[in-house]
N, C-alpha and C. Protein backbone atom coordinates (compact mmCIF):
# COMPACT_ATOMS: atom_id res chain seq x y z
N MET A 1 0.56 -1.34 0.27
CA MET A 1 -0.05 -0.23 -0.12
C MET A 1 0.90 1.40 0.07
N ALA A 2 0.75 2.14 -1.10
CA ALA A 2 1.04 3.48 -0.96
C ALA A 2 1.22 4.51 0.37
N GLU A 3 2.43 5.15 0.99
CA GLU A 3 2.24 5.92 1.61
C GLU A 3 1.85 6.86 1.41
N PRO A 4 1.01 7.89 2.28
CA PRO A 4 0.53 9.21 2.04
C PRO A 4 1.83 10.12 1.35
N ILE A 5 1.60 10.93 1.02
CA ILE A 5 2.47 12.14 0.34
C ILE A 5 3.05 13.40 1.79
N GLU A 6 4.05 13.35 2.07
CA GLU A 6 4.18 13.61 3.83
C GLU A 6 4.24 15.63 3.22
N GLN A 7 3.71 16.19 4.49
CA GLN A 7 3.57 17.04 4.32
C GLN A 7 4.69 18.11 3.96
N LYS A 8 5.95 17.94 4.13
CA LYS A 8 7.45 18.38 3.81
C LYS A 8 6.95 18.77 2.58
N VAL A 9 6.71 17.18 1.53
CA VAL A 9 7.00 17.36 -0.01
C VAL A 9 6.00 18.47 -0.44
N LYS A 10 4.65 18.39 -0.22
CA LYS A 10 3.55 19.04 -0.33
C LYS A 10 3.62 20.45 -0.05
N ALA A 11 4.45 21.08 1.24
CA ALA A 11 4.84 22.44 1.25
C ALA A 11 5.89 22.63 -0.03
N ALA A 12 6.77 21.93 -0.45
CA ALA A 12 7.89 22.31 -1.07
C ALA A 12 7.08 22.80 -2.38
N THR A 13 6.45 21.80 -2.80
CA THR A 13 5.80 21.43 -4.12
C THR A 13 5.12 22.56 -4.83
N ALA A 14 4.49 22.80 -3.76
CA ALA A 14 3.35 24.52 -3.54
C ALA A 14 4.58 25.68 -3.75
N ALA A 15 5.39 25.46 -2.83
CA ALA A 15 6.18 26.81 -2.76
C ALA A 15 6.92 26.83 -3.97
N ALA A 16 7.58 25.69 -4.71
CA ALA A 16 8.76 25.97 -5.76
C ALA A 16 7.22 26.20 -7.31
N TYR A 17 6.40 25.88 -6.84
CA TYR A 17 4.78 26.80 -7.95
C TYR A 17 4.94 28.25 -7.92
N VAL A 18 4.70 28.22 -6.09
CA VAL A 18 4.24 29.68 -6.06
C VAL A 18 5.42 30.27 -6.54
N GLY A 19 6.60 30.22 -6.17
CA GLY A 19 7.56 31.27 -6.18
C GLY A 19 8.45 31.11 -7.75
N SER A 20 8.40 30.22 -8.41
CA SER A 20 8.49 30.29 -9.86
C SER A 20 7.63 31.18 -10.51
N ALA A 21 6.09 30.61 -10.11
CA ALA A 21 4.95 31.99 -10.78
C ALA A 21 5.01 33.38 -10.53
N GLY A 22 5.28 33.34 -9.44
CA GLY A 22 5.49 34.92 -8.60
C GLY A 22 6.56 35.34 -9.25
N LEU A 23 7.70 34.68 -9.74
CA LEU A 23 9.16 35.25 -10.55
C LEU A 23 8.57 35.57 -11.64
N LEU A 24 7.95 34.55 -12.44
CA LEU A 24 7.82 35.19 -13.37
C LEU A 24 6.60 35.90 -13.95
N GLY A 25 5.86 35.67 -13.06
CA GLY A 25 4.71 37.02 -13.32
C GLY A 25 5.54 38.36 -13.08
N ALA A 26 6.43 38.64 -11.96
CA ALA A 26 7.66 39.50 -11.69
C ALA A 26 8.22 40.36 -13.19
N LEU A 27 9.01 39.42 -13.98
CA LEU A 27 9.50 39.10 -14.96
C LEU A 27 8.62 39.48 -15.58
N VAL A 28 7.35 39.54 -16.02
CA VAL A 28 6.81 39.88 -17.07
C VAL A 28 6.21 41.52 -17.22
N ALA A 29 6.10 41.87 -15.94
CA ALA A 29 5.48 42.77 -15.32
C ALA A 29 6.11 43.86 -15.98
N VAL A 30 7.84 43.53 -15.35
CA VAL A 30 8.78 44.84 -15.87
C VAL A 30 9.76 44.71 -16.90
N GLN A 31 9.26 43.58 -18.14
CA GLN A 31 9.92 43.47 -19.19
C GLN A 31 10.21 44.24 -19.72
N ASP A 32 9.80 45.46 -19.83
CA ASP A 32 9.93 46.96 -20.24
C ASP A 32 10.98 47.62 -19.81
N ASN A 33 11.51 46.61 -18.50
CA ASN A 33 12.51 47.64 -17.37
C ASN A 33 13.57 46.87 -17.35
N ALA A 34 14.67 47.21 -18.01
CA ALA A 34 15.76 46.05 -18.05
C ALA A 34 16.60 46.24 -16.88
N ARG A 35 16.34 46.94 -15.66
CA ARG A 35 17.20 47.37 -14.71
C ARG A 35 17.09 46.34 -13.70
N LEU A 36 15.97 45.39 -13.63
CA LEU A 36 15.72 44.70 -12.67
C LEU A 36 17.09 43.69 -12.59
N VAL A 37 17.39 43.44 -13.62
CA VAL A 37 18.18 42.47 -13.74
C VAL A 37 19.41 42.76 -14.74
N GLY A 38 19.23 44.08 -15.22
CA GLY A 38 20.48 44.65 -16.18
C GLY A 38 22.17 45.12 -15.51
N TRP A 39 21.96 44.66 -13.98
CA TRP A 39 23.34 44.83 -13.57
C TRP A 39 24.42 43.67 -13.53
N MET A 40 23.42 42.91 -13.55
CA MET A 40 24.12 41.21 -13.92
C MET A 40 24.63 40.73 -15.37
N PRO A 41 25.51 39.87 -15.48
CA PRO A 41 26.09 39.83 -16.62
C PRO A 41 24.82 38.54 -17.17
N ASP A 42 24.71 38.62 -18.38
CA ASP A 42 23.50 37.88 -19.03
C ASP A 42 23.70 36.41 -19.04
N GLY A 43 25.20 35.72 -19.02
CA GLY A 43 25.37 34.54 -18.53
C GLY A 43 24.92 34.29 -16.89
N LEU A 44 24.84 35.12 -16.21
CA LEU A 44 24.61 34.86 -14.61
C LEU A 44 23.22 35.03 -14.10
N ALA A 45 22.03 35.82 -14.89
CA ALA A 45 21.26 36.41 -14.56
C ALA A 45 20.00 34.78 -14.64
N PRO A 46 20.25 33.77 -15.41
CA PRO A 46 19.35 32.81 -15.20
C PRO A 46 19.61 32.11 -14.09
N PHE A 47 20.93 32.01 -13.67
CA PHE A 47 21.15 31.09 -12.79
C PHE A 47 20.94 31.89 -11.16
N VAL A 48 20.92 33.13 -11.09
CA VAL A 48 21.13 33.54 -10.02
C VAL A 48 19.12 34.16 -10.09
N LEU A 49 18.08 34.00 -10.95
CA LEU A 49 17.39 34.43 -10.92
C LEU A 49 16.45 32.89 -10.50
N ALA A 50 17.32 31.88 -10.41
CA ALA A 50 16.78 30.89 -10.52
C ALA A 50 17.10 30.85 -9.19
N LEU A 51 17.78 31.08 -8.33
CA LEU A 51 17.74 30.83 -6.69
C LEU A 51 16.57 31.75 -5.94
N VAL A 52 16.09 32.06 -6.53
CA VAL A 52 14.63 32.54 -6.01
C VAL A 52 13.64 31.57 -5.64
N PRO A 53 13.09 30.78 -6.53
CA PRO A 53 11.97 29.90 -6.08
C PRO A 53 12.53 28.77 -5.36
N THR A 54 13.96 28.49 -5.70
CA THR A 54 15.05 27.53 -5.27
C THR A 54 15.27 27.70 -3.31
N ALA A 55 15.44 29.14 -2.72
CA ALA A 55 15.16 29.52 -1.87
C ALA A 55 14.05 29.33 -0.91
N ILE A 56 12.61 30.15 -1.72
CA ILE A 56 11.63 29.59 -0.83
C ILE A 56 11.43 28.04 -0.83
N THR A 57 11.77 27.10 -1.69
CA THR A 57 11.41 25.75 -1.10
C THR A 57 11.94 25.55 -0.51
N ALA A 58 13.30 25.50 -0.03
CA ALA A 58 14.18 25.18 0.45
C ALA A 58 13.60 25.52 2.43
N VAL A 59 13.30 26.69 2.12
CA VAL A 59 12.57 27.50 3.34
C VAL A 59 11.24 26.68 3.83
N SER A 60 10.42 26.18 2.72
CA SER A 60 9.26 26.23 3.15
C SER A 60 9.07 24.73 3.37
N GLY A 61 10.42 23.85 2.89
CA GLY A 61 10.49 21.94 3.56
C GLY A 61 10.98 22.25 4.92
N TRP A 62 11.95 23.06 5.00
CA TRP A 62 12.50 23.07 6.14
C TRP A 62 11.59 23.40 7.49
N MET A 63 10.54 24.51 7.21
CA MET A 63 10.24 25.00 8.22
C MET A 63 8.13 23.87 8.54
N ALA A 64 7.94 23.25 7.34
CA ALA A 64 7.21 22.47 7.38
C ALA A 64 7.07 21.08 8.12
N ARG A 65 6.04 20.99 8.94
CA ARG A 65 6.45 19.28 10.00
C ARG A 65 6.70 18.13 9.13
N HIS A 66 7.61 17.11 10.00
CA HIS A 66 7.59 16.11 9.80
C HIS A 66 6.00 15.24 9.93
N THR A 67 5.60 14.14 8.80
CA THR A 67 4.79 13.50 8.74
C THR A 67 5.49 12.07 9.54
N PRO A 68 4.57 11.45 10.35
CA PRO A 68 5.10 11.00 11.65
C PRO A 68 4.66 9.71 11.00
N ARG A 69 5.55 8.61 10.84
CA ARG A 69 5.30 7.39 10.15
C ARG A 69 4.76 6.38 10.90
N GLY A 70 4.29 5.17 10.98
CA GLY A 70 4.26 4.32 11.81
C GLY A 70 5.74 3.01 11.51
N SER A 71 5.72 2.23 12.45
CA SER A 71 6.64 1.39 12.54
C SER A 71 6.67 0.14 11.15
N SER A 72 6.08 0.32 10.43
CA SER A 72 5.72 -1.02 9.42
C SER A 72 6.13 -0.19 7.91
N SER A 73 6.75 1.30 8.30
CA SER A 73 7.37 1.54 7.11
C SER A 73 8.54 2.65 7.52
N SER A 74 9.34 1.87 8.52
CA SER A 74 10.31 2.66 8.73
C SER A 74 11.86 1.66 7.74
N ALA A 75 12.84 2.89 8.08
CA ALA A 75 13.52 2.06 6.69
C ALA A 75 14.49 0.72 6.68
N GLY A 76 14.72 0.02 6.16
CA GLY A 76 15.35 -0.98 5.81
C GLY A 76 14.44 -2.03 6.28
N GLY A 77 13.68 -2.04 6.30
CA GLY A 77 12.50 -3.11 6.82
C GLY A 77 11.23 -3.19 5.83
């Protein structure tokens, strides 16, 4: 029987979606104003921008509560 999805995974997944959608929305809103990322070298900008949803996902996964598991699903058994 499949185990339920942990709250940490749900929180991190939702945060990744919201963070990515928010970042893309912000970029669309300011696409005519290159000063937002104009100070970064062109080759570096995509990697720096990818850190925003990554950081949101990491923090939400860290802060979400762990879902307790029964003894039948312990590791190694």
